[in-house]
Amino acid sequence: MFEVKVESEDGVCKIKLFPSDPELEIGGYGRDDILVFKGAPVSISALEKMLEREFGNTIITLKGGSVEVEVQRTDCMLLIEEVADAIREMMENAARDLDEIEDAIKRSLEKFVRRSVGRNGD
C-alpha cells in the first residue's frame, strides 16, 4: 500500500509513506486532511489518535504526495512496519465498512421496490 522512507534523529522517528496502491489517495472529496482508500475516507486526526494509542506522541502531516508520521522514539527501525501496518489496517477496515454500508443500502432498496410493486411483481 505504501513505499516507505525513514529519517531518524534526536529521538524522533520520521516515517514518510508514499501511496503505491492506485486505490489510495491523499486528500479527496474536496478535503486535504483525509486519506481515501477504495472510496472510504479516513481523517488524519483519526489516524493520529489511533497511532498515539499504540506508539505514544505522534504527529501526522501530509506533504508533497506523502504521509509523514513523526513518533518520539529512538527505536525507529522497529516501528516502520508496525506504523505502516496500523495505517493499512485502518484504511482497509474503512473500505470494508463502506462496502458493507453499500450492500445494506442495496438490500434495503431492493426490499422497498419489492414491497412497492407487490409481491408478484405487479
PDB file of N, CA and C in Angstrom:
ATOM      1  N   MET A   1       0.821  -1.189   0.000  1.00  0.00           N
ATOM      2  CA  MET A   1       0.000   0.000   0.000  1.00  0.00           C
ATOM      3  C   MET A   1       0.867   1.257   0.000  1.00  0.00           C
ATOM      4  N   PHE A   2       2.054   1.189   0.642  1.00  0.00           N
ATOM      5  CA  PHE A   2       2.950   2.336   0.743  1.00  0.00           C
ATOM      6  C   PHE A   2       4.375   1.965   0.381  1.00  0.00           C
ATOM      7  N   GLU A   3       5.098   2.954  -0.151  1.00  0.00           N
ATOM      8  CA  GLU A   3       6.550   2.893  -0.196  1.00  0.00           C
ATOM      9  C   GLU A   3       7.017   3.711   0.995  1.00  0.00           C
ATOM     10  N   VAL A   4       8.071   3.272   1.663  1.00  0.00           N
ATOM     11  CA  VAL A   4       8.470   3.868   2.937  1.00  0.00           C
ATOM     12  C   VAL A   4       9.867   4.465   2.846  1.00  0.00           C
ATOM     13  N   LYS A   5      10.018   5.656   3.417  1.00  0.00           N
ATOM     14  CA  LYS A   5      11.331   6.290   3.579  1.00  0.00           C
ATOM     15  C   LYS A   5      11.427   6.709   5.042  1.00  0.00           C
ATOM     16  N   VAL A   6      12.564   6.466   5.670  1.00  0.00           N
ATOM     17  CA  VAL A   6      12.708   6.716   7.102  1.00  0.00           C
ATOM     18  C   VAL A   6      13.842   7.701   7.364  1.00  0.00           C
ATOM     19  N   GLU A   7      13.576   8.632   8.270  1.00  0.00           N
ATOM     20  CA  GLU A   7      14.606   9.539   8.772  1.00  0.00           C
ATOM     21  C   GLU A   7      14.524   9.472  10.292  1.00  0.00           C
ATOM     22  N   SER A   8      15.663   9.398  10.944  1.00  0.00           N
ATOM     23  CA  SER A   8      15.666   9.323  12.397  1.00  0.00           C
ATOM     24  C   SER A   8      16.764  10.222  12.931  1.00  0.00           C
ATOM     25  N   GLU A   9      16.408  11.115  13.879  1.00  0.00           N
ATOM     26  CA  GLU A   9      17.404  11.969  14.507  1.00  0.00           C
ATOM     27  C   GLU A   9      16.881  12.485  15.835  1.00  0.00           C
ATOM     28  N   ASP A  10      17.771  12.607  16.792  1.00  0.00           N
ATOM     29  CA  ASP A  10      17.463  13.181  18.102  1.00  0.00           C
ATOM     30  C   ASP A  10      16.210  12.583  18.753  1.00  0.00           C
ATOM     31  N   GLY A  11      16.044  11.274  18.673  1.00  0.00           N
ATOM     32  CA  GLY A  11      14.919  10.618  19.329  1.00  0.00           C
ATOM     33  C   GLY A  11      13.588  10.766  18.620  1.00  0.00           C
ATOM     34  N   VAL A  12      13.615  11.327  17.404  1.00  0.00           N
ATOM     35  CA  VAL A  12      12.382  11.468  16.618  1.00  0.00           C
ATOM     36  C   VAL A  12      12.491  10.561  15.408  1.00  0.00           C
ATOM     37  N   CYS A  13      11.506   9.723  15.255  1.00  0.00           N
ATOM     38  CA  CYS A  13      11.435   8.821  14.112  1.00  0.00           C
ATOM     39  C   CYS A  13      10.443   9.415  13.117  1.00  0.00           C
ATOM     40  N   LYS A  14      10.916   9.772  11.917  1.00  0.00           N
ATOM     41  CA  LYS A  14      10.046  10.324  10.887  1.00  0.00           C
ATOM     42  C   LYS A  14       9.929   9.296   9.768  1.00  0.00           C
ATOM     43  N   ILE A  15       8.707   8.834   9.558  1.00  0.00           N
ATOM     44  CA  ILE A  15       8.436   7.829   8.536  1.00  0.00           C
ATOM     45  C   ILE A  15       7.603   8.496   7.445  1.00  0.00           C
ATOM     46  N   LYS A  16       8.116   8.490   6.214  1.00  0.00           N
ATOM     47  CA  LYS A  16       7.382   9.047   5.080  1.00  0.00           C
ATOM     48  C   LYS A  16       6.774   7.888   4.303  1.00  0.00           C
ATOM     49  N   LEU A  17       5.468   7.937   4.140  1.00  0.00           N
ATOM     50  CA  LEU A  17       4.741   6.898   3.422  1.00  0.00           C
ATOM     51  C   LEU A  17       4.234   7.479   2.111  1.00  0.00           C
ATOM     52  N   PHE A  18       4.632   6.867   0.996  1.00  0.00           N
ATOM     53  CA  PHE A  18       4.191   7.301  -0.322  1.00  0.00           C
ATOM     54  C   PHE A  18       3.203   6.270  -0.852  1.00  0.00           C
ATOM     55  N   PRO A  19       1.982   6.690  -1.205  1.00  0.00           N
ATOM     56  CA  PRO A  19       0.984   5.731  -1.697  1.00  0.00           C
ATOM     57  C   PRO A  19       1.501   4.969  -2.916  1.00  0.00           C
ATOM     58  N   SER A  20       1.412   3.649  -2.863  1.00  0.00           N
ATOM     59  CA  SER A  20       1.803   2.822  -4.007  1.00  0.00           C
ATOM     60  C   SER A  20       0.610   2.050  -4.560  1.00  0.00           C
ATOM     61  N   ASP A  21      -0.511   2.094  -3.872  1.00  0.00           N
ATOM     62  CA  ASP A  21      -1.739   1.444  -4.320  1.00  0.00           C
ATOM     63  C   ASP A  21      -2.569   2.477  -5.075  1.00  0.00           C
ATOM     64  N   PRO A  22      -2.979   2.191  -6.313  1.00  0.00           N
ATOM     65  CA  PRO A  22      -3.744   3.174  -7.079  1.00  0.00           C
ATOM     66  C   PRO A  22      -5.100   3.530  -6.444  1.00  0.00           C
ATOM     67  N   GLU A  23      -5.576   2.699  -5.529  1.00  0.00           N
ATOM     68  CA  GLU A  23      -6.854   2.989  -4.877  1.00  0.00           C
ATOM     69  C   GLU A  23      -6.689   3.811  -3.604  1.00  0.00           C
ATOM     70  N   LEU A  24      -5.464   4.193  -3.280  1.00  0.00           N
ATOM     71  CA  LEU A  24      -5.190   5.016  -2.107  1.00  0.00           C
ATOM     72  C   LEU A  24      -4.821   6.419  -2.563  1.00  0.00           C
ATOM     73  N   GLU A  25      -5.549   7.425  -2.061  1.00  0.00           N
ATOM     74  CA  GLU A  25      -5.275   8.810  -2.419  1.00  0.00           C
ATOM     75  C   GLU A  25      -5.074   9.646  -1.172  1.00  0.00           C
ATOM     76  N   ILE A  26      -4.220  10.629  -1.301  1.00  0.00           N
ATOM     77  CA  ILE A  26      -4.071  11.623  -0.248  1.00  0.00           C
ATOM     78  C   ILE A  26      -5.006  12.759  -0.615  1.00  0.00           C
ATOM     79  N   GLY A  27      -5.899  13.090   0.310  1.00  0.00           N
ATOM     80  CA  GLY A  27      -6.927  14.075   0.013  1.00  0.00           C
ATOM     81  C   GLY A  27      -8.063  13.405  -0.747  1.00  0.00           C
ATOM     82  N   GLY A  28      -9.072  14.145  -1.011  1.00  0.00           N
ATOM     83  CA  GLY A  28     -10.223  13.615  -1.725  1.00  0.00           C
ATOM     84  C   GLY A  28     -11.486  14.225  -1.161  1.00  0.00           C
ATOM     85  N   TYR A  29     -12.541  14.113  -1.907  1.00  0.00           N
ATOM     86  CA  TYR A  29     -13.832  14.675  -1.503  1.00  0.00           C
ATOM     87  C   TYR A  29     -13.715  16.163  -1.156  1.00  0.00           C
ATOM     88  N   GLY A  30     -12.810  16.861  -1.839  1.00  0.00           N
ATOM     89  CA  GLY A  30     -12.636  18.284  -1.613  1.00  0.00           C
ATOM     90  C   GLY A  30     -11.939  18.640  -0.311  1.00  0.00           C
ATOM     91  N   ARG A  31     -11.330  17.673   0.330  1.00  0.00           N
ATOM     92  CA  ARG A  31     -10.639  17.919   1.608  1.00  0.00           C
ATOM     93  C   ARG A  31      -9.191  17.500   1.484  1.00  0.00           C
ATOM     94  N   ASP A  32      -8.329  18.191   2.207  1.00  0.00           N
ATOM     95  CA  ASP A  32      -6.917  17.835   2.155  1.00  0.00           C
ATOM     96  C   ASP A  32      -6.431  17.228   3.468  1.00  0.00           C
ATOM     97  N   ASP A  33      -7.357  16.894   4.366  1.00  0.00           N
ATOM     98  CA  ASP A  33      -6.984  16.327   5.665  1.00  0.00           C
ATOM     99  C   ASP A  33      -7.451  14.886   5.831  1.00  0.00           C
ATOM    100  N   ILE A  34      -7.606  14.186   4.700  1.00  0.00           N
ATOM    101  CA  ILE A  34      -8.048  12.794   4.756  1.00  0.00           C
ATOM    102  C   ILE A  34      -7.246  11.936   3.782  1.00  0.00           C
ATOM    103  N   LEU A  35      -7.252  10.643   4.047  1.00  0.00           N
ATOM    104  CA  LEU A  35      -6.771   9.640   3.099  1.00  0.00           C
ATOM    105  C   LEU A  35      -8.003   8.882   2.623  1.00  0.00           C
ATOM    106  N   VAL A  36      -8.019   8.483   1.360  1.00  0.00           N
ATOM    107  CA  VAL A  36      -9.162   7.759   0.807  1.00  0.00           C
ATOM    108  C   VAL A  36      -8.653   6.449   0.215  1.00  0.00           C
ATOM    109  N   PHE A  37      -9.247   5.344   0.665  1.00  0.00           N
ATOM    110  CA  PHE A  37      -8.902   4.030   0.135  1.00  0.00           C
ATOM    111  C   PHE A  37     -10.171   3.345  -0.330  1.00  0.00           C
ATOM    112  N   LYS A  38     -10.213   3.012  -1.616  1.00  0.00           N
ATOM    113  CA  LYS A  38     -11.379   2.371  -2.229  1.00  0.00           C
ATOM    114  C   LYS A  38     -12.648   3.165  -1.941  1.00  0.00           C
ATOM    115  N   GLY A  39     -12.531   4.489  -1.971  1.00  0.00           N
ATOM    116  CA  GLY A  39     -13.681   5.356  -1.763  1.00  0.00           C
ATOM    117  C   GLY A  39     -13.990   5.677  -0.321  1.00  0.00           C
ATOM    118  N   ALA A  40     -13.339   5.023   0.612  1.00  0.00           N
ATOM    119  CA  ALA A  40     -13.618   5.239   2.034  1.00  0.00           C
ATOM    120  C   ALA A  40     -12.629   6.254   2.613  1.00  0.00           C
ATOM    121  N   PRO A  41     -13.138   7.364   3.150  1.00  0.00           N
ATOM    122  CA  PRO A  41     -12.248   8.374   3.727  1.00  0.00           C
ATOM    123  C   PRO A  41     -11.893   8.064   5.182  1.00  0.00           C
ATOM    124  N   VAL A  42     -10.653   8.390   5.556  1.00  0.00           N
ATOM    125  CA  VAL A  42     -10.208   8.305   6.942  1.00  0.00           C
ATOM    126  C   VAL A  42      -9.482   9.608   7.240  1.00  0.00           C
ATOM    127  N   SER A  43      -9.898  10.271   8.305  1.00  0.00           N
ATOM    128  CA  SER A  43      -9.290  11.556   8.636  1.00  0.00           C
ATOM    129  C   SER A  43      -7.898  11.369   9.227  1.00  0.00           C
ATOM    130  N   ILE A  44      -7.063  12.359   8.987  1.00  0.00           N
ATOM    131  CA  ILE A  44      -5.711  12.337   9.536  1.00  0.00           C
ATOM    132  C   ILE A  44      -5.777  12.355  11.058  1.00  0.00           C
ATOM    133  N   SER A  45      -6.729  13.101  11.630  1.00  0.00           N
ATOM    134  CA  SER A  45      -6.824  13.148  13.095  1.00  0.00           C
ATOM    135  C   SER A  45      -7.195  11.783  13.668  1.00  0.00           C
ATOM    136  N   ALA A  46      -8.034  11.007  12.970  1.00  0.00           N
ATOM    137  CA  ALA A  46      -8.369   9.650  13.430  1.00  0.00           C
ATOM    138  C   ALA A  46      -7.134   8.746  13.372  1.00  0.00           C
ATOM    139  N   LEU A  47      -6.349   8.882  12.309  1.00  0.00           N
ATOM    140  CA  LEU A  47      -5.108   8.103  12.217  1.00  0.00           C
ATOM    141  C   LEU A  47      -4.152   8.479  13.340  1.00  0.00           C
ATOM    142  N   GLU A  48      -4.021   9.780  13.604  1.00  0.00           N
ATOM    143  CA  GLU A  48      -3.134  10.239  14.672  1.00  0.00           C
ATOM    144  C   GLU A  48      -3.535   9.664  16.023  1.00  0.00           C
ATOM    145  N   LYS A  49      -4.830   9.717  16.328  1.00  0.00           N
ATOM    146  CA  LYS A  49      -5.312   9.202  17.611  1.00  0.00           C
ATOM    147  C   LYS A  49      -5.045   7.708  17.737  1.00  0.00           C
ATOM    148  N   MET A  50      -5.279   6.965  16.660  1.00  0.00           N
ATOM    149  CA  MET A  50      -5.036   5.523  16.690  1.00  0.00           C
ATOM    150  C   MET A  50      -3.556   5.235  16.916  1.00  0.00           C
ATOM    151  N   LEU A  51      -2.677   5.951  16.221  1.00  0.00           N
ATOM    152  CA  LEU A  51      -1.240   5.731  16.374  1.00  0.00           C
ATOM    153  C   LEU A  51      -0.745   6.173  17.746  1.00  0.00           C
ATOM    154  N   GLU A  52      -1.317   7.242  18.296  1.00  0.00           N
ATOM    155  CA  GLU A  52      -0.929   7.684  19.643  1.00  0.00           C
ATOM    156  C   GLU A  52      -1.247   6.629  20.691  1.00  0.00           C
ATOM    157  N   ARG A  53      -2.395   5.966  20.539  1.00  0.00           N
ATOM    158  CA  ARG A  53      -2.737   4.895  21.477  1.00  0.00           C
ATOM    159  C   ARG A  53      -1.719   3.765  21.408  1.00  0.00           C
ATOM    160  N   GLU A  54      -1.226   3.487  20.205  1.00  0.00           N
ATOM    161  CA  GLU A  54      -0.292   2.376  20.017  1.00  0.00           C
ATOM    162  C   GLU A  54       1.162   2.734  20.312  1.00  0.00           C
ATOM    163  N   PHE A  55       1.581   3.954  19.918  1.00  0.00           N
ATOM    164  CA  PHE A  55       3.007   4.278  19.919  1.00  0.00           C
ATOM    165  C   PHE A  55       3.384   5.529  20.704  1.00  0.00           C
ATOM    166  N   GLY A  56       2.436   6.192  21.319  1.00  0.00           N
ATOM    167  CA  GLY A  56       2.739   7.418  22.053  1.00  0.00           C
ATOM    168  C   GLY A  56       2.627   8.654  21.177  1.00  0.00           C
ATOM    169  N   ASN A  57       3.277   9.722  21.596  1.00  0.00           N
ATOM    170  CA  ASN A  57       3.188  11.004  20.924  1.00  0.00           C
ATOM    171  C   ASN A  57       3.462  10.874  19.421  1.00  0.00           C
ATOM    172  N   THR A  58       2.464  11.186  18.603  1.00  0.00           N
ATOM    173  CA  THR A  58       2.549  11.010  17.153  1.00  0.00           C
ATOM    174  C   THR A  58       2.011  12.253  16.452  1.00  0.00           C
ATOM    175  N   ILE A  59       2.687  12.657  15.386  1.00  0.00           N
ATOM    176  CA  ILE A  59       2.218  13.768  14.560  1.00  0.00           C
ATOM    177  C   ILE A  59       2.174  13.281  13.116  1.00  0.00           C
ATOM    178  N   ILE A  60       1.046  13.520  12.446  1.00  0.00           N
ATOM    179  CA  ILE A  60       0.918  13.148  11.040  1.00  0.00           C
ATOM    180  C   ILE A  60       0.692  14.419  10.229  1.00  0.00           C
ATOM    181  N   THR A  61       1.446  14.554   9.144  1.00  0.00           N
ATOM    182  CA  THR A  61       1.248  15.659   8.215  1.00  0.00           C
ATOM    183  C   THR A  61       1.254  15.108   6.797  1.00  0.00           C
ATOM    184  N   LEU A  62       0.568  15.803   5.922  1.00  0.00           N
ATOM    185  CA  LEU A  62       0.549  15.441   4.509  1.00  0.00           C
ATOM    186  C   LEU A  62       1.436  16.436   3.779  1.00  0.00           C
ATOM    187  N   LYS A  63       2.468  15.927   3.106  1.00  0.00           N
ATOM    188  CA  LYS A  63       3.410  16.804   2.401  1.00  0.00           C
ATOM    189  C   LYS A  63       3.794  16.192   1.069  1.00  0.00           C
ATOM    190  N   GLY A  64       3.667  16.977   0.037  1.00  0.00           N
ATOM    191  CA  GLY A  64       4.188  16.577  -1.270  1.00  0.00           C
ATOM    192  C   GLY A  64       3.843  15.174  -1.714  1.00  0.00           C
ATOM    193  N   GLY A  65       2.607  14.769  -1.575  1.00  0.00           N
ATOM    194  CA  GLY A  65       2.203  13.438  -2.014  1.00  0.00           C
ATOM    195  C   GLY A  65       2.597  12.324  -1.070  1.00  0.00           C
ATOM    196  N   SER A  66       2.979  12.680   0.159  1.00  0.00           N
ATOM    197  CA  SER A  66       3.329  11.646   1.134  1.00  0.00           C
ATOM    198  C   SER A  66       2.634  11.921   2.464  1.00  0.00           C
ATOM    199  N   VAL A  67       2.574  10.879   3.257  1.00  0.00           N
ATOM    200  CA  VAL A  67       2.073  10.979   4.627  1.00  0.00           C
ATOM    201  C   VAL A  67       3.297  10.888   5.516  1.00  0.00           C
ATOM    202  N   GLU A  68       3.548  11.926   6.323  1.00  0.00           N
ATOM    203  CA  GLU A  68       4.693  11.914   7.232  1.00  0.00           C
ATOM    204  C   GLU A  68       4.212  11.622   8.641  1.00  0.00           C
ATOM    205  N   VAL A  69       4.782  10.600   9.241  1.00  0.00           N
ATOM    206  CA  VAL A  69       4.440  10.202  10.599  1.00  0.00           C
ATOM    207  C   VAL A  69       5.673  10.418  11.471  1.00  0.00           C
ATOM    208  N   GLU A  70       5.539  11.273  12.482  1.00  0.00           N
ATOM    209  CA  GLU A  70       6.637  11.510  13.425  1.00  0.00           C
ATOM    210  C   GLU A  70       6.271  10.903  14.765  1.00  0.00           C
ATOM    211  N   VAL A  71       7.169  10.079  15.285  1.00  0.00           N
ATOM    212  CA  VAL A  71       6.959   9.419  16.565  1.00  0.00           C
ATOM    213  C   VAL A  71       8.180   9.699  17.437  1.00  0.00           C
ATOM    214  N   GLN A  72       7.935  10.068  18.678  1.00  0.00           N
ATOM    215  CA  GLN A  72       9.030  10.356  19.609  1.00  0.00           C
ATOM    216  C   GLN A  72       9.602   9.048  20.142  1.00  0.00           C
ATOM    217  N   ARG A  73      10.420   8.390  19.345  1.00  0.00           N
ATOM    218  CA  ARG A  73      11.034   7.120  19.739  1.00  0.00           C
ATOM    219  C   ARG A  73      12.430   7.035  19.159  1.00  0.00           C
ATOM    220  N   THR A  74      13.282   6.345  19.832  1.00  0.00           N
ATOM    221  CA  THR A  74      14.630   6.172  19.317  1.00  0.00           C
ATOM    222  C   THR A  74      14.777   4.883  18.522  1.00  0.00           C
ATOM    223  N   ASP A  75      13.889   3.926  18.754  1.00  0.00           N
ATOM    224  CA  ASP A  75      13.971   2.640  18.056  1.00  0.00           C
ATOM    225  C   ASP A  75      13.144   2.674  16.770  1.00  0.00           C
ATOM    226  N   CYS A  76      13.524   3.572  15.897  1.00  0.00           N
ATOM    227  CA  CYS A  76      12.761   3.848  14.679  1.00  0.00           C
ATOM    228  C   CYS A  76      12.584   2.618  13.787  1.00  0.00           C
ATOM    229  N   MET A  77      13.627   1.866  13.600  1.00  0.00           N
ATOM    230  CA  MET A  77      13.551   0.733  12.678  1.00  0.00           C
ATOM    231  C   MET A  77      12.522  -0.302  13.124  1.00  0.00           C
ATOM    232  N   LEU A  78      12.290  -0.408  14.419  1.00  0.00           N
ATOM    233  CA  LEU A  78      11.286  -1.351  14.920  1.00  0.00           C
ATOM    234  C   LEU A  78       9.866  -0.872  14.636  1.00  0.00           C
ATOM    235  N   LEU A  79       9.693   0.432  14.464  1.00  0.00           N
ATOM    236  CA  LEU A  79       8.360   0.991  14.278  1.00  0.00           C
ATOM    237  C   LEU A  79       7.862   0.982  12.838  1.00  0.00           C
ATOM    238  N   ILE A  80       8.766   0.948  11.899  1.00  0.00           N
ATOM    239  CA  ILE A  80       8.394   1.154  10.497  1.00  0.00           C
ATOM    240  C   ILE A  80       7.244   0.258  10.071  1.00  0.00           C
ATOM    241  N   GLU A  81       7.421  -1.036  10.179  1.00  0.00           N
ATOM    242  CA  GLU A  81       6.387  -1.976   9.740  1.00  0.00           C
ATOM    243  C   GLU A  81       5.122  -1.846  10.573  1.00  0.00           C
ATOM    244  N   GLU A  82       5.275  -1.647  11.876  1.00  0.00           N
ATOM    245  CA  GLU A  82       4.100  -1.549  12.744  1.00  0.00           C
ATOM    246  C   GLU A  82       3.249  -0.343  12.395  1.00  0.00           C
ATOM    247  N   VAL A  83       3.871   0.796  12.146  1.00  0.00           N
ATOM    248  CA  VAL A  83       3.126   2.011  11.792  1.00  0.00           C
ATOM    249  C   VAL A  83       2.442   1.832  10.435  1.00  0.00           C
ATOM    250  N   ALA A  84       3.187   1.362   9.447  1.00  0.00           N
ATOM    251  CA  ALA A  84       2.606   1.148   8.111  1.00  0.00           C
ATOM    252  C   ALA A  84       1.468   0.136   8.175  1.00  0.00           C
ATOM    253  N   ASP A  85       1.650  -0.945   8.932  1.00  0.00           N
ATOM    254  CA  ASP A  85       0.589  -1.956   9.063  1.00  0.00           C
ATOM    255  C   ASP A  85      -0.645  -1.392   9.765  1.00  0.00           C
ATOM    256  N   ALA A  86      -0.451  -0.566  10.794  1.00  0.00           N
ATOM    257  CA  ALA A  86      -1.584   0.017  11.514  1.00  0.00           C
ATOM    258  C   ALA A  86      -2.393   0.938  10.603  1.00  0.00           C
ATOM    259  N   ILE A  87      -1.707   1.750   9.808  1.00  0.00           N
ATOM    260  CA  ILE A  87      -2.415   2.645   8.886  1.00  0.00           C
ATOM    261  C   ILE A  87      -3.115   1.840   7.802  1.00  0.00           C
ATOM    262  N   ARG A  88      -2.423   0.844   7.248  1.00  0.00           N
ATOM    263  CA  ARG A  88      -3.029  -0.007   6.219  1.00  0.00           C
ATOM    264  C   ARG A  88      -4.284  -0.688   6.744  1.00  0.00           C
ATOM    265  N   GLU A  89      -4.196  -1.225   7.954  1.00  0.00           N
ATOM    266  CA  GLU A  89      -5.342  -1.915   8.543  1.00  0.00           C
ATOM    267  C   GLU A  89      -6.524  -0.972   8.733  1.00  0.00           C
ATOM    268  N   MET A  90      -6.252   0.247   9.210  1.00  0.00           N
ATOM    269  CA  MET A  90      -7.339   1.200   9.405  1.00  0.00           C
ATOM    270  C   MET A  90      -7.987   1.574   8.071  1.00  0.00           C
ATOM    271  N   MET A  91      -7.174   1.758   7.022  1.00  0.00           N
ATOM    272  CA  MET A  91      -7.703   2.097   5.708  1.00  0.00           C
ATOM    273  C   MET A  91      -8.528   0.933   5.133  1.00  0.00           C
ATOM    274  N   GLU A  92      -8.025  -0.289   5.274  1.00  0.00           N
ATOM    275  CA  GLU A  92      -8.756  -1.451   4.766  1.00  0.00           C
ATOM    276  C   GLU A  92     -10.065  -1.650   5.519  1.00  0.00           C
ATOM    277  N   ASN A  93     -10.067  -1.410   6.834  1.00  0.00           N
ATOM    278  CA  ASN A  93     -11.301  -1.528   7.611  1.00  0.00           C
ATOM    279  C   ASN A  93     -12.326  -0.493   7.160  1.00  0.00           C
ATOM    280  N   ALA A  94     -11.875   0.718   6.868  1.00  0.00           N
ATOM    281  CA  ALA A  94     -12.789   1.765   6.393  1.00  0.00           C
ATOM    282  C   ALA A  94     -13.393   1.367   5.051  1.00  0.00           C
ATOM    283  N   ALA A  95     -12.575   0.821   4.156  1.00  0.00           N
ATOM    284  CA  ALA A  95     -13.076   0.384   2.852  1.00  0.00           C
ATOM    285  C   ALA A  95     -14.070  -0.766   3.013  1.00  0.00           C
ATOM    286  N   ARG A  96     -13.780  -1.696   3.908  1.00  0.00           N
ATOM    287  CA  ARG A  96     -14.689  -2.820   4.161  1.00  0.00           C
ATOM    288  C   ARG A  96     -16.015  -2.321   4.742  1.00  0.00           C
ATOM    289  N   ASP A  97     -15.935  -1.373   5.676  1.00  0.00           N
ATOM    290  CA  ASP A  97     -17.153  -0.806   6.255  1.00  0.00           C
ATOM    291  C   ASP A  97     -18.001  -0.123   5.195  1.00  0.00           C
ATOM    292  N   LEU A  98     -17.347   0.602   4.273  1.00  0.00           N
ATOM    293  CA  LEU A  98     -18.078   1.268   3.202  1.00  0.00           C
ATOM    294  C   LEU A  98     -18.781   0.251   2.321  1.00  0.00           C
ATOM    295  N   ASP A  99     -18.114  -0.856   1.994  1.00  0.00           N
ATOM    296  CA  ASP A  99     -18.741  -1.913   1.199  1.00  0.00           C
ATOM    297  C   ASP A  99     -19.964  -2.485   1.912  1.00  0.00           C
ATOM    298  N   GLU A 100     -19.867  -2.708   3.219  1.00  0.00           N
ATOM    299  CA  GLU A 100     -20.998  -3.241   3.982  1.00  0.00           C
ATOM    300  C   GLU A 100     -22.167  -2.260   4.009  1.00  0.00           C
ATOM    301  N   ILE A 101     -21.873  -0.981   4.134  1.00  0.00           N
ATOM    302  CA  ILE A 101     -22.931   0.034   4.125  1.00  0.00           C
ATOM    303  C   ILE A 101     -23.614   0.049   2.759  1.00  0.00           C
ATOM    304  N   GLU A 102     -22.822   0.006   1.681  1.00  0.00           N
ATOM    305  CA  GLU A 102     -23.398  -0.011   0.337  1.00  0.00           C
ATOM    306  C   GLU A 102     -24.282  -1.238   0.141  1.00  0.00           C
ATOM    307  N   ASP A 103     -23.840  -2.401   0.606  1.00  0.00           N
ATOM    308  CA  ASP A 103     -24.648  -3.621   0.478  1.00  0.00           C
ATOM    309  C   ASP A 103     -25.949  -3.508   1.262  1.00  0.00           C
ATOM    310  N   ALA A 104     -25.903  -2.941   2.459  1.00  0.00           N
ATOM    311  CA  ALA A 104     -27.114  -2.776   3.269  1.00  0.00           C
ATOM    312  C   ALA A 104     -28.095  -1.832   2.575  1.00  0.00           C
ATOM    313  N   ILE A 105     -27.592  -0.777   1.976  1.00  0.00           N
ATOM    314  CA  ILE A 105     -28.467   0.164   1.261  1.00  0.00           C
ATOM    315  C   ILE A 105     -29.102  -0.523   0.058  1.00  0.00           C
ATOM    316  N   LYS A 106     -28.311  -1.290  -0.691  1.00  0.00           N
ATOM    317  CA  LYS A 106     -28.847  -2.013  -1.847  1.00  0.00           C
ATOM    318  C   LYS A 106     -29.939  -2.982  -1.429  1.00  0.00           C
ATOM    319  N   ARG A 107     -29.694  -3.747  -0.341  1.00  0.00           N
ATOM    320  CA  ARG A 107     -30.706  -4.708   0.133  1.00  0.00           C
ATOM    321  C   ARG A 107     -31.981  -3.981   0.564  1.00  0.00           C
ATOM    322  N   SER A 108     -31.836  -2.854   1.232  1.00  0.00           N
ATOM    323  CA  SER A 108     -32.998  -2.087   1.666  1.00  0.00           C
ATOM    324  C   SER A 108     -33.779  -1.556   0.475  1.00  0.00           C
ATOM    325  N   LEU A 109     -33.086  -1.073  -0.540  1.00  0.00           N
ATOM    326  CA  LEU A 109     -33.769  -0.572  -1.737  1.00  0.00           C
ATOM    327  C   LEU A 109     -34.479  -1.693  -2.479  1.00  0.00           C
ATOM    328  N   GLU A 110     -33.830  -2.848  -2.586  1.00  0.00           N
ATOM    329  CA  GLU A 110     -34.462  -3.991  -3.247  1.00  0.00           C
ATOM    330  C   GLU A 110     -35.724  -4.408  -2.493  1.00  0.00           C
ATOM    331  N   LYS A 111     -35.652  -4.420  -1.181  1.00  0.00           N
ATOM    332  CA  LYS A 111     -36.805  -4.783  -0.356  1.00  0.00           C
ATOM    333  C   LYS A 111     -37.928  -3.765  -0.530  1.00  0.00           C
ATOM    334  N   PHE A 112     -37.569  -2.488  -0.557  1.00  0.00           N
ATOM    335  CA  PHE A 112     -38.563  -1.429  -0.752  1.00  0.00           C
ATOM    336  C   PHE A 112     -39.240  -1.555  -2.118  1.00  0.00           C
ATOM    337  N   VAL A 113     -38.452  -1.822  -3.155  1.00  0.00           N
ATOM    338  CA  VAL A 113     -39.005  -1.950  -4.506  1.00  0.00           C
ATOM    339  C   VAL A 113     -39.942  -3.148  -4.573  1.00  0.00           C
ATOM    340  N   ARG A 114     -39.564  -4.266  -3.972  1.00  0.00           N
ATOM    341  CA  ARG A 114     -40.436  -5.450  -3.963  1.00  0.00           C
ATOM    342  C   ARG A 114     -41.761  -5.145  -3.276  1.00  0.00           C
ATOM    343  N   ARG A 115     -41.714  -4.411  -2.169  1.00  0.00           N
ATOM    344  CA  ARG A 115     -42.944  -4.061  -1.454  1.00  0.00           C
ATOM    345  C   ARG A 115     -43.807  -3.092  -2.251  1.00  0.00           C
ATOM    346  N   SER A 116     -43.161  -2.126  -2.927  1.00  0.00           N
ATOM    347  CA  SER A 116     -43.952  -1.133  -3.653  1.00  0.00           C
ATOM    348  C   SER A 116     -44.604  -1.682  -4.911  1.00  0.00           C
ATOM    349  N   VAL A 117     -44.000  -2.655  -5.562  1.00  0.00           N
ATOM    350  CA  VAL A 117     -44.594  -3.188  -6.786  1.00  0.00           C
ATOM    351  C   VAL A 117     -45.473  -4.395  -6.503  1.00  0.00           C
ATOM    352  N   GLY A 118     -45.490  -4.853  -5.305  1.00  0.00           N
ATOM    353  CA  GLY A 118     -46.299  -6.028  -4.958  1.00  0.00           C
ATOM    354  C   GLY A 118     -45.458  -7.275  -5.006  1.00  0.00           C
ATOM    355  N   ARG A 119     -45.913  -8.267  -4.299  1.00  0.00           N
ATOM    356  CA  ARG A 119     -45.124  -9.487  -4.173  1.00  0.00           C
ATOM    357  C   ARG A 119     -45.042 -10.281  -5.462  1.00  0.00           C
ATOM    358  N   ASN A 120     -46.020 -10.138  -6.312  1.00  0.00           N
ATOM    359  CA  ASN A 120     -45.978 -10.932  -7.544  1.00  0.00           C
ATOM    360  C   ASN A 120     -45.363 -10.145  -8.691  1.00  0.00           C
ATOM    361  N   GLY A 121     -44.768  -8.964  -8.400  1.00  0.00           N
ATOM    362  CA  GLY A 121     -44.086  -8.212  -9.439  1.00  0.00           C
ATOM    363  C   GLY A 121     -44.974  -7.232 -10.176  1.00  0.00           C
ATOM    364  N   ASP A 122     -46.256  -7.099  -9.805  1.00  0.00           N
ATOM    365  CA  ASP A 122     -47.167  -6.147 -10.483  1.00  0.00           C
ATOM    366  C   ASP A 122     -46.881  -4.724 -10.123  1.00  0.00           C
TER     367      ASP A 122
END
